[in-house]
Amino acid sequence: MTAPGAFERGTDGPRVILVGVDGSSTSLRAAAYAAGLARRQRSRLVAVHVAEAAPPMAGWVPAAQAVVREAAAEVDAELRREILAAAEQLGIEVDYRSVHGDPVAEISRIADALPADAVLVGASEQAGHRVIGSVAVRLVRMGHWPVTVVP
């Protein structure tokens, strides 16, 4: 028998894992990694898709905001289908959540509310994020939870 509070291989680890998904190849790899980790650790997996608001210039083009909303809804529906199908194939449960807003703010809010033991995201594929900071870098800097960035 193991002493109370002692580390026991295979039973300690994250109980709630949050993974941010946006449809990029790196976020899908992060989701696959998170699913495997959740399966091995018997953890709860929460997948979060954050739809960002339409860019301000979209207001200059008639019906552009409607097109942006429709595209975001299509991405969300496809992600939901893919993630739930993969989870079923792996034999794990996943709580899929879709929200609107700033990805860092929303992932942080949900991770704090759960509370999440680990946050996983894909590395940014956008060159400009090297200067202004990607979602991953901003989450790491917050320092609330361990953040794993999947390439």
C-alpha atoms as a PDB file:
ATOM      1  CA  MET A   1       0.000   0.000   0.000  1.00  0.00           C
ATOM      2  CA  THR A   2       1.230   3.481  -0.870  1.00  0.00           C
ATOM      3  CA  ALA A   3       1.569   6.143   1.816  1.00  0.00           C
ATOM      4  CA  PRO A   4      -1.071   8.901   1.655  1.00  0.00           C
ATOM      5  CA  GLY A   5       0.030  11.752  -0.589  1.00  0.00           C
ATOM      6  CA  ALA A   6       2.863   9.723  -2.156  1.00  0.00           C
ATOM      7  CA  PHE A   7       3.309   9.670  -5.916  1.00  0.00           C
ATOM      8  CA  GLU A   8       1.900   6.536  -7.475  1.00  0.00           C
ATOM      9  CA  ARG A   9       2.869   5.894 -11.098  1.00  0.00           C
ATOM     10  CA  GLY A  10      -0.119   5.826 -13.417  1.00  0.00           C
ATOM     11  CA  THR A  11      -2.554   7.449 -11.010  1.00  0.00           C
ATOM     12  CA  ASP A  12      -1.137  10.919 -10.517  1.00  0.00           C
ATOM     13  CA  GLY A  13      -1.370  13.481 -13.254  1.00  0.00           C
ATOM     14  CA  PRO A  14      -3.846  15.918 -14.698  1.00  0.00           C
ATOM     15  CA  ARG A  15      -7.476  15.188 -13.904  1.00  0.00           C
ATOM     16  CA  VAL A  16      -8.866  17.877 -16.228  1.00  0.00           C
ATOM     17  CA  ILE A  17      -7.154  18.626 -19.532  1.00  0.00           C
ATOM     18  CA  LEU A  18      -8.238  21.555 -21.685  1.00  0.00           C
ATOM     19  CA  VAL A  19      -7.215  21.694 -25.342  1.00  0.00           C
ATOM     20  CA  GLY A  20      -7.759  24.708 -27.565  1.00  0.00           C
ATOM     21  CA  VAL A  21      -8.737  23.877 -31.150  1.00  0.00           C
ATOM     22  CA  ASP A  22      -9.126  26.177 -34.129  1.00  0.00           C
ATOM     23  CA  GLY A  23      -8.917  23.813 -37.093  1.00  0.00           C
ATOM     24  CA  SER A  24      -5.221  24.392 -37.795  1.00  0.00           C
ATOM     25  CA  SER A  25      -2.999  21.357 -38.227  1.00  0.00           C
ATOM     26  CA  THR A  26      -1.119  22.186 -35.022  1.00  0.00           C
ATOM     27  CA  SER A  27      -4.317  22.492 -32.988  1.00  0.00           C
ATOM     28  CA  LEU A  28      -5.510  19.137 -34.324  1.00  0.00           C
ATOM     29  CA  ARG A  29      -2.183  17.584 -33.294  1.00  0.00           C
ATOM     30  CA  ALA A  30      -2.640  19.178 -29.857  1.00  0.00           C
ATOM     31  CA  ALA A  31      -6.122  17.639 -29.683  1.00  0.00           C
ATOM     32  CA  ALA A  32      -4.747  14.203 -30.611  1.00  0.00           C
ATOM     33  CA  TYR A  33      -1.997  14.504 -28.000  1.00  0.00           C
ATOM     34  CA  ALA A  34      -4.514  15.688 -25.371  1.00  0.00           C
ATOM     35  CA  ALA A  35      -6.861  12.807 -26.211  1.00  0.00           C
ATOM     36  CA  GLY A  36      -4.080  10.265 -25.789  1.00  0.00           C
ATOM     37  CA  LEU A  37      -3.038  11.854 -22.508  1.00  0.00           C
ATOM     38  CA  ALA A  38      -6.647  11.887 -21.284  1.00  0.00           C
ATOM     39  CA  ARG A  39      -7.072   8.229 -22.224  1.00  0.00           C
ATOM     40  CA  ARG A  40      -3.867   7.139 -20.475  1.00  0.00           C
ATOM     41  CA  GLN A  41      -4.475   9.259 -17.367  1.00  0.00           C
ATOM     42  CA  ARG A  42      -8.242   8.656 -17.304  1.00  0.00           C
ATOM     43  CA  SER A  43      -8.653  12.417 -17.264  1.00  0.00           C
ATOM     44  CA  ARG A  44     -11.558  14.586 -18.260  1.00  0.00           C
ATOM     45  CA  LEU A  45     -10.932  16.193 -21.661  1.00  0.00           C
ATOM     46  CA  VAL A  46     -12.429  19.564 -22.542  1.00  0.00           C
ATOM     47  CA  ALA A  47     -11.956  20.825 -26.112  1.00  0.00           C
ATOM     48  CA  VAL A  48     -12.542  24.545 -26.602  1.00  0.00           C
ATOM     49  CA  HIS A  49     -13.066  26.306 -29.929  1.00  0.00           C
ATOM     50  CA  VAL A  50     -12.995  30.101 -29.731  1.00  0.00           C
ATOM     51  CA  ALA A  51     -14.480  31.950 -32.681  1.00  0.00           C
ATOM     52  CA  GLU A  52     -12.940  35.380 -32.903  1.00  0.00           C
ATOM     53  CA  ALA A  53     -14.997  38.429 -33.818  1.00  0.00           C
ATOM     54  CA  ALA A  54     -14.961  39.623 -37.413  1.00  0.00           C
ATOM     55  CA  PRO A  55     -12.159  42.068 -38.158  1.00  0.00           C
ATOM     56  CA  PRO A  56     -13.213  45.737 -37.928  1.00  0.00           C
ATOM     57  CA  MET A  57     -12.778  46.228 -41.676  1.00  0.00           C
ATOM     58  CA  ALA A  58     -15.468  43.588 -42.302  1.00  0.00           C
ATOM     59  CA  GLY A  59     -17.997  46.320 -41.508  1.00  0.00           C
ATOM     60  CA  TRP A  60     -16.908  48.152 -44.667  1.00  0.00           C
ATOM     61  CA  VAL A  61     -18.139  45.354 -46.915  1.00  0.00           C
ATOM     62  CA  PRO A  62     -21.872  44.693 -47.007  1.00  0.00           C
ATOM     63  CA  ALA A  63     -22.779  41.295 -45.557  1.00  0.00           C
ATOM     64  CA  ALA A  64     -19.130  40.545 -44.661  1.00  0.00           C
ATOM     65  CA  GLN A  65     -19.913  39.978 -40.979  1.00  0.00           C
ATOM     66  CA  ALA A  66     -22.598  37.450 -41.918  1.00  0.00           C
ATOM     67  CA  VAL A  67     -20.094  35.613 -44.121  1.00  0.00           C
ATOM     68  CA  VAL A  68     -17.523  35.594 -41.286  1.00  0.00           C
ATOM     69  CA  ARG A  69     -20.119  34.245 -38.825  1.00  0.00           C
ATOM     70  CA  GLU A  70     -21.218  31.565 -41.289  1.00  0.00           C
ATOM     71  CA  ALA A  71     -17.620  30.466 -41.928  1.00  0.00           C
ATOM     72  CA  ALA A  72     -16.941  30.310 -38.178  1.00  0.00           C
ATOM     73  CA  ALA A  73     -20.075  28.194 -37.665  1.00  0.00           C
ATOM     74  CA  GLU A  74     -18.937  25.787 -40.391  1.00  0.00           C
ATOM     75  CA  VAL A  75     -15.467  25.431 -38.839  1.00  0.00           C
ATOM     76  CA  ASP A  76     -17.056  24.865 -35.433  1.00  0.00           C
ATOM     77  CA  ALA A  77     -19.439  22.191 -36.735  1.00  0.00           C
ATOM     78  CA  GLU A  78     -16.611  20.357 -38.552  1.00  0.00           C
ATOM     79  CA  LEU A  79     -14.349  20.474 -35.478  1.00  0.00           C
ATOM     80  CA  ARG A  80     -17.157  19.178 -33.265  1.00  0.00           C
ATOM     81  CA  ARG A  81     -17.779  16.241 -35.645  1.00  0.00           C
ATOM     82  CA  GLU A  82     -14.072  15.379 -35.951  1.00  0.00           C
ATOM     83  CA  ILE A  83     -13.325  15.608 -32.245  1.00  0.00           C
ATOM     84  CA  LEU A  84     -16.384  13.694 -31.072  1.00  0.00           C
ATOM     85  CA  ALA A  85     -15.773  10.943 -33.667  1.00  0.00           C
ATOM     86  CA  ALA A  86     -12.112  10.620 -32.646  1.00  0.00           C
ATOM     87  CA  ALA A  87     -13.058  10.524 -28.960  1.00  0.00           C
ATOM     88  CA  GLU A  88     -15.575   7.772 -29.601  1.00  0.00           C
ATOM     89  CA  GLN A  89     -12.954   5.783 -31.519  1.00  0.00           C
ATOM     90  CA  LEU A  90     -10.511   6.146 -28.595  1.00  0.00           C
ATOM     91  CA  GLY A  91     -13.177   5.268 -26.054  1.00  0.00           C
ATOM     92  CA  ILE A  92     -12.948   8.558 -24.164  1.00  0.00           C
ATOM     93  CA  GLU A  93     -15.460  11.250 -23.374  1.00  0.00           C
ATOM     94  CA  VAL A  94     -14.863  14.803 -24.451  1.00  0.00           C
ATOM     95  CA  ASP A  95     -16.693  17.955 -23.451  1.00  0.00           C
ATOM     96  CA  TYR A  96     -16.683  20.156 -26.590  1.00  0.00           C
ATOM     97  CA  ARG A  97     -17.300  23.849 -25.998  1.00  0.00           C
ATOM     98  CA  SER A  98     -17.662  26.641 -28.502  1.00  0.00           C
ATOM     99  CA  VAL A  99     -17.414  30.270 -27.440  1.00  0.00           C
ATOM    100  CA  HIS A 100     -16.880  33.678 -29.057  1.00  0.00           C
ATOM    101  CA  GLY A 101     -14.235  36.207 -28.107  1.00  0.00           C
ATOM    102  CA  ASP A 102     -10.510  36.525 -27.603  1.00  0.00           C
ATOM    103  CA  PRO A 103      -8.919  33.045 -27.571  1.00  0.00           C
ATOM    104  CA  VAL A 104      -6.587  33.773 -24.629  1.00  0.00           C
ATOM    105  CA  ALA A 105      -9.326  35.353 -22.521  1.00  0.00           C
ATOM    106  CA  GLU A 106     -11.840  32.580 -23.219  1.00  0.00           C
ATOM    107  CA  ILE A 107      -9.429  29.667 -22.782  1.00  0.00           C
ATOM    108  CA  SER A 108      -8.224  31.245 -19.532  1.00  0.00           C
ATOM    109  CA  ARG A 109     -11.765  31.804 -18.274  1.00  0.00           C
ATOM    110  CA  ILE A 110     -12.795  28.214 -18.990  1.00  0.00           C
ATOM    111  CA  ALA A 111      -9.547  26.736 -17.636  1.00  0.00           C
ATOM    112  CA  ASP A 112      -9.961  28.669 -14.375  1.00  0.00           C
ATOM    113  CA  ALA A 113     -13.645  27.748 -14.066  1.00  0.00           C
ATOM    114  CA  LEU A 114     -13.118  23.988 -14.584  1.00  0.00           C
ATOM    115  CA  PRO A 115     -10.413  24.143 -12.983  1.00  0.00           C
ATOM    116  CA  ALA A 116      -8.015  22.671 -15.552  1.00  0.00           C
ATOM    117  CA  ASP A 117      -4.837  20.909 -14.469  1.00  0.00           C
ATOM    118  CA  ALA A 118      -3.235  21.303 -17.911  1.00  0.00           C
ATOM    119  CA  VAL A 119      -3.813  23.386 -21.026  1.00  0.00           C
ATOM    120  CA  LEU A 120      -2.692  22.212 -24.478  1.00  0.00           C
ATOM    121  CA  VAL A 121      -2.607  24.291 -27.645  1.00  0.00           C
ATOM    122  CA  GLY A 122      -0.994  24.055 -31.041  1.00  0.00           C
ATOM    123  CA  ALA A 123       1.941  26.262 -31.974  1.00  0.00           C
ATOM    124  CA  SER A 124       0.991  29.267 -34.062  1.00  0.00           C
ATOM    125  CA  GLU A 125       1.547  28.986 -37.780  1.00  0.00           C
ATOM    126  CA  GLN A 126       1.374  32.763 -38.320  1.00  0.00           C
ATOM    127  CA  ALA A 127       4.639  34.657 -38.763  1.00  0.00           C
ATOM    128  CA  GLY A 128       3.304  37.833 -37.119  1.00  0.00           C
ATOM    129  CA  HIS A 129       2.878  36.019 -33.814  1.00  0.00           C
ATOM    130  CA  ARG A 130       6.631  36.049 -33.319  1.00  0.00           C
ATOM    131  CA  VAL A 131       6.361  39.776 -32.714  1.00  0.00           C
ATOM    132  CA  ILE A 132       3.022  40.246 -30.930  1.00  0.00           C
ATOM    133  CA  GLY A 133       2.825  36.846 -29.240  1.00  0.00           C
ATOM    134  CA  SER A 134       0.759  33.819 -30.067  1.00  0.00           C
ATOM    135  CA  VAL A 135      -2.098  32.398 -28.040  1.00  0.00           C
ATOM    136  CA  ALA A 136       0.335  29.798 -26.685  1.00  0.00           C
ATOM    137  CA  VAL A 137       2.914  32.355 -25.568  1.00  0.00           C
ATOM    138  CA  ARG A 138       0.268  34.532 -23.944  1.00  0.00           C
ATOM    139  CA  LEU A 139      -1.162  31.526 -22.063  1.00  0.00           C
ATOM    140  CA  VAL A 140       2.296  30.476 -20.864  1.00  0.00           C
ATOM    141  CA  ARG A 141       2.965  34.003 -19.597  1.00  0.00           C
ATOM    142  CA  MET A 142      -0.230  33.933 -17.532  1.00  0.00           C
ATOM    143  CA  GLY A 143       1.273  31.142 -15.440  1.00  0.00           C
ATOM    144  CA  HIS A 144      -2.017  29.788 -14.070  1.00  0.00           C
ATOM    145  CA  TRP A 145      -1.583  26.194 -15.295  1.00  0.00           C
ATOM    146  CA  PRO A 146       0.998  24.072 -17.079  1.00  0.00           C
ATOM    147  CA  VAL A 147       0.740  24.794 -20.816  1.00  0.00           C
ATOM    148  CA  THR A 148       1.930  22.329 -23.431  1.00  0.00           C
ATOM    149  CA  VAL A 149       2.510  23.753 -26.913  1.00  0.00           C
ATOM    150  CA  VAL A 150       2.343  21.088 -29.619  1.00  0.00           C
ATOM    151  CA  PRO A 151       4.272  21.801 -32.840  1.00  0.00           C
END
